[in-house]
N, C-alpha and C. Protein backbone atom coordinates (compact mmCIF):
# COMPACT_ATOMS: atom_id res chain seq x y z
N MET A 1 37.23 2.33 -21.18
CA MET A 1 36.37 2.42 -22.56
C MET A 1 35.81 3.65 -22.66
N THR A 2 35.72 4.25 -23.34
CA THR A 2 35.12 6.00 -23.37
C THR A 2 32.92 5.73 -23.49
N GLN A 3 32.40 7.00 -23.38
CA GLN A 3 30.96 6.29 -23.38
C GLN A 3 30.84 7.07 -25.12
N PRO A 4 29.76 7.00 -25.39
CA PRO A 4 29.11 7.15 -26.42
C PRO A 4 28.72 8.56 -26.46
N TYR A 5 29.16 9.48 -28.09
CA TYR A 5 28.53 11.08 -27.58
C TYR A 5 26.94 10.88 -27.70
N GLN A 6 26.84 11.74 -26.95
CA GLN A 6 25.32 11.88 -26.27
C GLN A 6 24.76 13.16 -26.60
N ALA A 7 24.22 13.61 -27.18
CA ALA A 7 23.90 15.15 -27.66
C ALA A 7 22.99 15.48 -26.03
N PRO A 8 23.13 17.00 -26.41
CA PRO A 8 22.89 17.33 -24.66
C PRO A 8 21.08 17.31 -24.86
N GLY A 9 20.41 17.24 -25.62
CA GLY A 9 18.78 17.30 -25.75
C GLY A 9 18.62 15.74 -25.45
N ALA A 10 19.36 14.92 -25.98
CA ALA A 10 19.04 13.31 -26.05
C ALA A 10 18.11 12.52 -25.05
N ARG A 11 17.65 11.55 -25.55
CA ARG A 11 16.87 10.96 -24.35
C ARG A 11 17.87 9.51 -24.26
N ARG A 12 17.98 9.19 -23.41
CA ARG A 12 18.67 7.64 -23.01
C ARG A 12 17.20 6.57 -23.04
N ALA A 13 17.96 5.47 -24.08
CA ALA A 13 16.80 4.57 -24.44
C ALA A 13 16.43 3.66 -23.31
N ALA A 14 17.36 4.02 -21.80
CA ALA A 14 16.50 2.69 -20.91
C ALA A 14 17.22 3.95 -19.58
N PRO A 15 16.46 4.03 -18.76
CA PRO A 15 16.55 4.93 -17.39
C PRO A 15 17.70 4.26 -16.57
N LEU A 16 18.44 4.95 -15.86
CA LEU A 16 19.71 4.62 -15.39
C LEU A 16 18.57 3.66 -14.05
N ALA A 17 19.65 2.91 -13.08
CA ALA A 17 19.00 2.74 -11.92
C ALA A 17 18.57 3.39 -11.04
N ASP A 18 19.35 4.48 -11.01
CA ASP A 18 18.86 5.66 -9.79
C ASP A 18 17.64 6.42 -9.94
N GLU A 19 17.27 6.56 -11.03
CA GLU A 19 15.92 7.27 -11.94
C GLU A 19 14.80 6.32 -11.67
N VAL A 20 13.93 7.37 -11.19
CA VAL A 20 12.68 6.65 -10.56
C VAL A 20 11.84 6.91 -11.85
N ILE A 21 10.91 6.03 -12.11
CA ILE A 21 10.01 5.93 -13.36
C ILE A 21 8.70 6.40 -12.95
N ASP A 22 8.16 7.84 -13.25
CA ASP A 22 6.56 7.77 -13.56
C ASP A 22 6.09 6.20 -13.80
N VAL A 23 4.98 6.50 -12.99
CA VAL A 23 4.01 5.82 -13.21
C VAL A 23 2.68 6.10 -13.87
N THR A 24 2.25 6.93 -13.60
CA THR A 24 1.06 7.60 -13.97
C THR A 24 1.20 8.86 -14.44
N SER A 25 -0.16 9.70 -15.08
CA SER A 25 0.07 10.83 -15.43
C SER A 25 -1.14 11.63 -14.70
N PHE A 26 -0.95 13.08 -14.21
CA PHE A 26 -1.52 13.34 -13.48
C PHE A 26 -3.32 13.20 -13.38
N PRO A 27 -3.45 13.22 -14.14
CA PRO A 27 -5.26 12.78 -14.24
C PRO A 27 -5.30 11.48 -13.79
N GLY A 28 -4.17 10.64 -13.95
CA GLY A 28 -3.89 9.43 -13.45
C GLY A 28 -3.98 9.15 -11.94
N ALA A 29 -3.01 10.08 -11.73
CA ALA A 29 -2.87 9.81 -10.42
C ALA A 29 -4.48 10.48 -9.34
N VAL A 30 -4.50 11.03 -9.38
CA VAL A 30 -6.00 11.45 -9.33
C VAL A 30 -7.13 10.54 -9.32
N GLY A 31 -7.09 9.31 -10.31
CA GLY A 31 -7.74 8.39 -10.03
C GLY A 31 -7.45 7.37 -9.34
N TRP A 32 -5.87 7.01 -9.33
CA TRP A 32 -5.56 6.29 -8.06
C TRP A 32 -5.39 6.46 -6.69
N THR A 33 -5.63 8.09 -6.53
CA THR A 33 -5.57 8.64 -5.27
C THR A 33 -6.80 8.25 -5.09
N ILE A 34 -7.93 8.62 -5.65
CA ILE A 34 -9.42 8.16 -5.11
C ILE A 34 -9.37 6.69 -4.88
N ALA A 35 -8.81 5.76 -5.88
CA ALA A 35 -9.34 4.40 -5.80
C ALA A 35 -8.57 3.90 -4.34
N GLY A 36 -7.05 4.60 -4.26
CA GLY A 36 -6.47 4.24 -2.90
C GLY A 36 -7.47 4.91 -1.95
N THR A 37 -8.10 5.47 -1.65
CA THR A 37 -8.56 6.05 -0.94
C THR A 37 -10.09 5.04 -0.08
N ILE A 38 -10.66 4.79 -1.62
CA ILE A 38 -11.83 3.50 -0.95
C ILE A 38 -10.96 2.20 -0.72
N ILE A 39 -9.85 1.94 -1.73
CA ILE A 39 -9.46 0.87 -1.16
C ILE A 39 -8.20 0.59 -0.57
N PRO A 40 -7.81 1.81 0.83
CA PRO A 40 -6.44 1.84 1.06
C PRO A 40 -5.68 0.54 0.65
N GLY A 41 -4.72 0.68 -0.04
CA GLY A 41 -3.44 0.20 -0.87
C GLY A 41 -3.25 -0.03 -2.13
N LEU A 42 -4.21 0.44 -3.06
CA LEU A 42 -4.60 0.12 -4.32
C LEU A 42 -3.21 0.98 -4.86
N GLY A 43 -3.35 2.33 -4.28
CA GLY A 43 -2.26 3.40 -4.87
C GLY A 43 -0.60 2.96 -4.84
N PHE A 44 -0.41 2.44 -3.53
CA PHE A 44 0.83 2.18 -3.63
C PHE A 44 1.05 1.30 -4.23
N LEU A 45 0.50 -0.32 -4.52
CA LEU A 45 0.61 -0.97 -5.71
C LEU A 45 0.81 -0.55 -6.96
N LYS A 46 -0.23 0.26 -7.05
CA LYS A 46 0.09 0.77 -8.50
C LYS A 46 1.22 1.91 -8.93
N ALA A 47 2.25 2.42 -7.84
CA ALA A 47 3.02 3.18 -7.60
C ALA A 47 4.30 1.88 -7.01
N ARG A 48 4.03 0.61 -7.25
CA ARG A 48 4.74 -0.23 -7.33
C ARG A 48 5.59 -0.56 -5.80
N ARG A 49 4.90 0.05 -4.50
CA ARG A 49 5.49 0.08 -3.02
C ARG A 49 4.85 -0.75 -3.19
N TRP A 50 5.46 -2.09 -3.12
CA TRP A 50 4.69 -3.13 -2.66
C TRP A 50 4.51 -3.67 -1.29
N PHE A 51 4.90 -3.62 -0.66
CA PHE A 51 5.32 -3.49 1.14
C PHE A 51 4.34 -2.79 1.98
N ASP A 52 4.29 -1.17 1.08
CA ASP A 52 3.30 -0.55 1.51
C ASP A 52 2.27 -0.50 1.42
N GLY A 53 1.97 -1.48 0.29
CA GLY A 53 0.47 -1.46 -0.48
C GLY A 53 0.03 -2.81 0.34
N VAL A 54 0.74 -3.76 0.30
CA VAL A 54 0.11 -5.29 1.49
C VAL A 54 0.21 -4.68 2.10
N MET A 55 0.91 -4.24 3.25
CA MET A 55 0.45 -4.33 4.61
C MET A 55 -0.96 -3.21 4.56
N THR A 56 -0.77 -2.22 3.79
CA THR A 56 -1.86 -1.32 3.69
C THR A 56 -3.52 -2.11 3.44
N LEU A 57 -3.34 -3.09 2.31
CA LEU A 57 -4.89 -3.92 2.27
C LEU A 57 -4.79 -4.90 3.51
N ILE A 58 -3.67 -5.07 4.54
CA ILE A 58 -3.93 -6.63 5.17
C ILE A 58 -4.44 -5.25 6.25
N PHE A 59 -4.08 -4.25 6.92
CA PHE A 59 -4.50 -3.54 7.89
C PHE A 59 -5.76 -3.43 7.55
N PHE A 60 -6.28 -2.85 5.96
CA PHE A 60 -7.73 -2.85 6.21
C PHE A 60 -8.40 -4.20 6.17
N VAL A 61 -8.07 -4.80 5.48
CA VAL A 61 -9.26 -6.09 5.46
C VAL A 61 -8.87 -6.42 7.39
N PHE A 62 -8.52 -6.49 7.96
CA PHE A 62 -8.70 -6.81 9.44
C PHE A 62 -9.73 -5.97 10.35
N VAL A 63 -9.59 -4.70 9.78
CA VAL A 63 -10.14 -3.57 10.39
C VAL A 63 -11.95 -4.26 9.80
N LEU A 64 -11.70 -4.56 8.24
CA LEU A 64 -13.05 -4.48 8.20
C LEU A 64 -13.39 -6.22 8.76
N ALA A 65 -12.82 -7.14 8.82
CA ALA A 65 -12.67 -7.97 9.48
C ALA A 65 -13.86 -8.18 10.98
N GLY A 66 -12.97 -6.96 11.97
CA GLY A 66 -13.27 -6.61 13.15
C GLY A 66 -14.58 -6.38 12.81
N LEU A 67 -15.03 -5.17 11.90
CA LEU A 67 -16.66 -4.53 12.28
C LEU A 67 -17.51 -5.52 11.58
N GLY A 68 -16.90 -6.61 10.64
CA GLY A 68 -18.00 -8.00 10.64
C GLY A 68 -18.19 -8.19 11.48
N TYR A 69 -17.01 -8.47 12.76
CA TYR A 69 -17.51 -9.67 13.59
C TYR A 69 -17.99 -8.61 14.56
N LEU A 70 -18.09 -7.58 14.83
CA LEU A 70 -18.86 -6.75 15.57
C LEU A 70 -20.54 -7.03 14.92
N ALA A 71 -20.71 -6.96 13.47
CA ALA A 71 -21.84 -7.06 13.17
C ALA A 71 -22.76 -8.28 13.41
N TYR A 72 -21.40 -9.66 13.13
CA TYR A 72 -22.20 -10.66 13.30
C TYR A 72 -22.78 -10.99 14.87
N GLU A 73 -22.15 -10.47 15.79
CA GLU A 73 -22.34 -10.69 17.16
C GLU A 73 -22.18 -9.32 17.87
N PRO A 74 -23.88 -9.65 17.76
CA PRO A 74 -24.61 -8.36 18.48
C PRO A 74 -24.36 -7.99 20.13
N ALA A 75 -24.27 -9.31 20.45
CA ALA A 75 -24.43 -9.22 22.15
C ALA A 75 -23.24 -8.72 22.50
N PHE A 76 -22.02 -9.16 21.55
CA PHE A 76 -20.51 -8.59 21.69
C PHE A 76 -20.54 -7.08 21.61
N ALA A 77 -20.89 -6.73 20.53
CA ALA A 77 -20.82 -5.32 20.07
C ALA A 77 -21.44 -4.72 21.46
N LYS A 78 -22.79 -5.21 21.74
CA LYS A 78 -23.37 -4.54 23.26
C LYS A 78 -23.09 -4.42 24.15
N ALA A 79 -22.06 -5.14 24.64
CA ALA A 79 -21.70 -5.46 26.05
C ALA A 79 -20.16 -4.79 25.32
N LEU A 80 -19.50 -4.40 24.64
CA LEU A 80 -18.55 -3.53 24.45
C LEU A 80 -19.09 -1.98 24.53
N LEU A 81 -20.30 -2.24 24.09
CA LEU A 81 -20.60 -0.26 24.60
C LEU A 81 -21.28 -0.21 25.44
N SER A 82 -21.36 -0.73 26.53
CA SER A 82 -21.76 -0.60 27.72
C SER A 82 -20.81 -0.12 28.90
N SER A 83 -19.41 -0.21 28.44
CA SER A 83 -18.18 0.41 29.61
C SER A 83 -17.88 1.58 29.20
N PRO A 84 -17.63 2.33 29.82
CA PRO A 84 -17.30 3.36 29.63
C PRO A 84 -15.73 3.85 29.66
N ILE A 85 -14.67 2.77 29.74
CA ILE A 85 -13.63 2.35 29.55
C ILE A 85 -13.08 2.06 28.08
N THR A 86 -14.37 0.65 27.75
CA THR A 86 -14.22 0.60 26.51
C THR A 86 -14.40 1.93 25.44
N LEU A 87 -15.43 2.65 25.65
CA LEU A 87 -16.12 3.46 25.08
C LEU A 87 -14.82 4.86 24.51
N LEU A 88 -14.10 4.53 26.06
CA LEU A 88 -13.10 5.89 25.62
C LEU A 88 -11.84 5.45 24.67
N GLY A 89 -11.73 4.23 24.47
CA GLY A 89 -10.92 3.58 24.21
C GLY A 89 -11.20 3.40 22.60
N ILE A 90 -12.53 3.24 22.34
CA ILE A 90 -12.95 3.48 21.06
C ILE A 90 -12.65 4.98 20.48
N ALA A 91 -13.02 5.61 21.26
CA ALA A 91 -13.05 7.09 20.75
C ALA A 91 -11.76 7.23 20.69
N VAL A 92 -10.68 6.65 21.29
CA VAL A 92 -8.99 7.26 21.10
C VAL A 92 -8.27 6.22 19.73
N LEU A 93 -9.33 5.25 19.56
CA LEU A 93 -9.21 4.39 17.98
C LEU A 93 -9.34 5.28 17.05
N CYS A 94 -10.98 5.86 16.83
CA CYS A 94 -11.29 6.26 15.80
C CYS A 94 -10.31 7.79 15.91
N GLY A 95 -9.93 8.66 16.88
CA GLY A 95 -9.10 9.72 16.53
C GLY A 95 -7.33 8.88 15.37
N ILE A 96 -7.66 8.00 16.25
CA ILE A 96 -5.72 7.43 15.78
C ILE A 96 -5.90 6.80 14.45
N LEU A 97 -7.03 6.31 14.21
CA LEU A 97 -7.55 5.87 12.50
C LEU A 97 -7.28 6.84 11.42
N GLY A 98 -8.43 7.97 11.95
CA GLY A 98 -8.65 9.15 11.26
C GLY A 98 -6.96 9.70 10.80
N VAL A 99 -6.06 9.95 11.53
CA VAL A 99 -4.78 10.36 11.45
C VAL A 99 -4.55 9.39 10.62
N LEU A 100 -4.11 8.58 10.45
CA LEU A 100 -3.47 7.29 9.88
C LEU A 100 -4.37 6.91 8.41
N ILE A 101 -5.51 7.30 8.54
CA ILE A 101 -6.32 7.37 6.88
C ILE A 101 -5.70 8.59 5.87
N ILE A 102 -5.65 9.66 6.74
CA ILE A 102 -5.01 10.86 6.21
C ILE A 102 -3.68 10.82 5.98
N GLY A 103 -2.96 10.26 6.77
CA GLY A 103 -1.78 9.46 6.06
C GLY A 103 -1.42 9.23 5.28
N ILE A 104 -2.50 7.79 5.01
CA ILE A 104 -2.57 7.18 3.66
C ILE A 104 -2.78 7.85 2.54
N ILE A 105 -3.85 8.96 2.77
CA ILE A 105 -4.28 9.27 1.43
C ILE A 105 -2.90 10.68 0.89
N LEU A 106 -2.72 11.04 1.72
CA LEU A 106 -1.44 11.66 1.32
C LEU A 106 -0.14 10.92 0.78
N ALA A 107 -0.10 9.65 1.66
CA ALA A 107 1.35 9.19 0.69
C ALA A 107 1.12 8.82 -0.54
N THR A 108 -0.32 7.80 -0.65
CA THR A 108 -0.74 7.26 -1.94
C THR A 108 -0.84 8.54 -2.79
N TYR A 109 -1.14 9.86 -2.82
CA TYR A 109 -1.15 10.66 -4.16
C TYR A 109 0.32 10.92 -4.22
N LEU A 110 1.28 11.02 -3.00
CA LEU A 110 2.76 11.31 -3.40
C LEU A 110 3.60 10.17 -4.05
N ALA A 111 2.72 9.71 -3.97
CA ALA A 111 3.53 7.84 -4.16
C ALA A 111 3.21 7.82 -5.87
N VAL A 112 1.33 8.07 -5.94
CA VAL A 112 1.37 7.92 -7.71
C VAL A 112 1.34 9.07 -8.60
N ARG A 113 1.79 10.61 -8.16
CA ARG A 113 1.63 11.64 -8.75
C ARG A 113 3.07 11.29 -9.71
N PRO A 114 2.96 12.11 -10.96
CA PRO A 114 3.88 12.14 -11.82
C PRO A 114 5.11 13.50 -11.20
N GLN A 115 6.54 13.09 -11.42
CA GLN A 115 7.81 14.03 -10.83
C GLN A 115 7.74 15.39 -11.50
N VAL A 116 7.11 15.30 -12.26
CA VAL A 116 6.75 17.08 -12.62
C VAL A 116 5.53 17.21 -13.40
N VAL A 117 5.13 18.23 -12.19
CA VAL A 117 3.52 18.94 -12.25
C VAL A 117 3.65 20.09 -11.93
N THR A 118 2.77 21.17 -12.61
CA THR A 118 2.65 22.64 -12.38
C THR A 118 2.29 22.79 -11.66
N ALA A 119 1.96 24.13 -11.14
CA ALA A 119 1.28 24.81 -10.33
C ALA A 119 -0.08 24.55 -9.96
N GLY A 120 -0.59 25.05 -10.90
CA GLY A 120 -2.24 24.49 -11.02
C GLY A 120 -2.48 22.71 -10.77
N GLN A 121 -1.33 21.88 -10.80
CA GLN A 121 -1.84 20.63 -10.67
C GLN A 121 -0.97 20.04 -9.31
N ARG A 122 -0.25 20.85 -8.69
CA ARG A 122 0.06 21.03 -7.05
C ARG A 122 -1.04 21.36 -6.63
N ILE A 123 -1.93 22.53 -7.10
CA ILE A 123 -3.12 23.05 -6.02
C ILE A 123 -4.35 22.04 -5.75
N SER A 124 -4.26 21.91 -7.16
CA SER A 124 -5.97 20.59 -7.53
C SER A 124 -5.28 19.43 -6.66
N GLY A 125 -3.88 18.88 -6.88
CA GLY A 125 -3.81 17.95 -5.88
C GLY A 125 -4.09 18.15 -4.29
N GLY A 126 -3.46 19.33 -3.30
CA GLY A 126 -3.89 19.41 -2.74
C GLY A 126 -4.90 19.31 -2.20
N ILE A 127 -5.78 20.25 -2.95
CA ILE A 127 -7.21 20.12 -2.52
C ILE A 127 -7.97 18.99 -3.06
N LEU A 128 -8.07 17.97 -3.45
CA LEU A 128 -8.04 17.06 -4.24
C LEU A 128 -7.75 15.66 -2.73
N VAL A 129 -6.64 16.06 -1.76
CA VAL A 129 -6.10 15.09 -0.75
C VAL A 129 -6.86 15.49 0.51
N ALA A 130 -7.37 17.21 0.42
CA ALA A 130 -7.67 17.75 1.70
C ALA A 130 -9.48 17.25 1.46
N VAL A 131 -9.74 17.53 0.45
CA VAL A 131 -11.40 16.69 0.81
C VAL A 131 -11.70 15.33 0.57
N LEU A 132 -10.67 14.46 0.15
CA LEU A 132 -10.67 13.26 0.47
C LEU A 132 -10.74 12.96 2.08
N SER A 133 -9.84 13.45 2.35
CA SER A 133 -9.16 13.47 3.82
C SER A 133 -10.56 14.19 4.90
N PHE A 134 -11.33 14.72 4.20
CA PHE A 134 -12.30 15.78 5.02
C PHE A 134 -13.85 14.49 4.69
N VAL A 135 -13.35 14.02 4.00
CA VAL A 135 -15.16 13.40 3.44
C VAL A 135 -14.82 11.86 4.29
N VAL A 136 -13.45 11.66 4.56
CA VAL A 136 -13.29 9.81 5.28
C VAL A 136 -13.21 10.11 6.44
N CYS A 137 -12.95 11.47 7.14
CA CYS A 137 -12.80 11.81 8.59
C CYS A 137 -14.05 11.71 9.04
N ILE A 138 -15.01 12.10 8.16
CA ILE A 138 -16.51 12.94 9.30
C ILE A 138 -16.81 12.22 9.37
N PRO A 139 -17.52 10.74 9.28
CA PRO A 139 -18.03 9.91 10.27
C PRO A 139 -16.71 9.33 10.96
N LEU A 140 -15.94 9.30 10.90
CA LEU A 140 -15.05 8.71 12.37
C LEU A 140 -15.17 10.08 13.33
N ALA A 141 -15.15 10.91 12.74
CA ALA A 141 -15.36 12.16 13.88
C ALA A 141 -16.62 12.37 14.46
N VAL A 142 -17.72 11.87 14.13
CA VAL A 142 -19.08 11.33 14.89
C VAL A 142 -19.05 10.85 15.22
N ALA A 143 -18.24 9.58 14.91
CA ALA A 143 -18.25 8.41 15.81
C ALA A 143 -17.04 8.46 17.36
N LEU A 144 -16.71 9.44 17.04
CA LEU A 144 -15.85 9.76 17.97
C LEU A 144 -16.68 10.52 18.90
N GLY A 145 -17.16 11.51 18.44
CA GLY A 145 -18.13 12.49 19.32
C GLY A 145 -19.40 11.65 20.16
N TYR A 146 -20.06 10.81 19.18
CA TYR A 146 -21.20 10.15 19.80
C TYR A 146 -20.37 9.14 21.22
N THR A 147 -18.86 8.37 21.03
CA THR A 147 -18.91 7.26 21.88
C THR A 147 -18.41 8.55 23.16
N LEU A 148 -17.51 9.19 23.01
CA LEU A 148 -17.35 10.27 24.24
C LEU A 148 -18.88 10.64 24.95
N SER A 149 -19.48 11.43 24.22
CA SER A 149 -20.30 11.61 24.66
C SER A 149 -21.50 10.20 25.58
N LYS A 150 -21.29 8.97 24.57
CA LYS A 150 -22.05 8.36 25.82
C LYS A 150 -21.17 7.47 27.16
N ALA A 151 -19.98 7.83 26.78
CA ALA A 151 -18.75 7.68 27.80
C ALA A 151 -19.41 8.26 28.68
N GLY A 152 -19.60 9.62 28.19
CA GLY A 152 -20.05 10.74 29.94
C GLY A 152 -21.38 10.42 30.32
N TYR A 153 -22.08 9.74 29.71
CA TYR A 153 -23.48 9.30 29.82
C TYR A 153 -23.94 7.99 30.67
N ILE A 154 -22.86 7.29 30.31
CA ILE A 154 -23.03 6.16 31.19
C ILE A 154 -22.13 5.93 32.73
N LYS A 155 -21.05 7.03 33.20
CA LYS A 155 -20.75 7.29 34.28
C LYS A 155 -21.92 7.41 35.09
């Protein structure tokens, strides 16, 4: 059978299976990137990347549960902070977590941004990702410095 004639500028009523549907506008992408920074995984869920969103949320919940346990059991936290090897491990984990968070912020922005963006939107999106990464990683860098300092002091 032949396909019905379509004018060159006409839009199709339904997208093809291979096409990706934009899930948000640029201001919406900015908002969802910020929301995905506060609660990692939300932006992935908005972009319909279910596996990435759920796994990121589960990882975030496990990190919060671990920190909650350390707050609940101060004797265990004190024992952890008195060993130089453990402090070096905490410093390495802070560095790895910082890199992971930067990757999550960047991937969230790339997942929720519209397919067609202007040059100004590209620049402002890059600045947004850089600022969010900087703001989130400052406490991790301070924690890394303190744990390395204390590990050297305990030896």
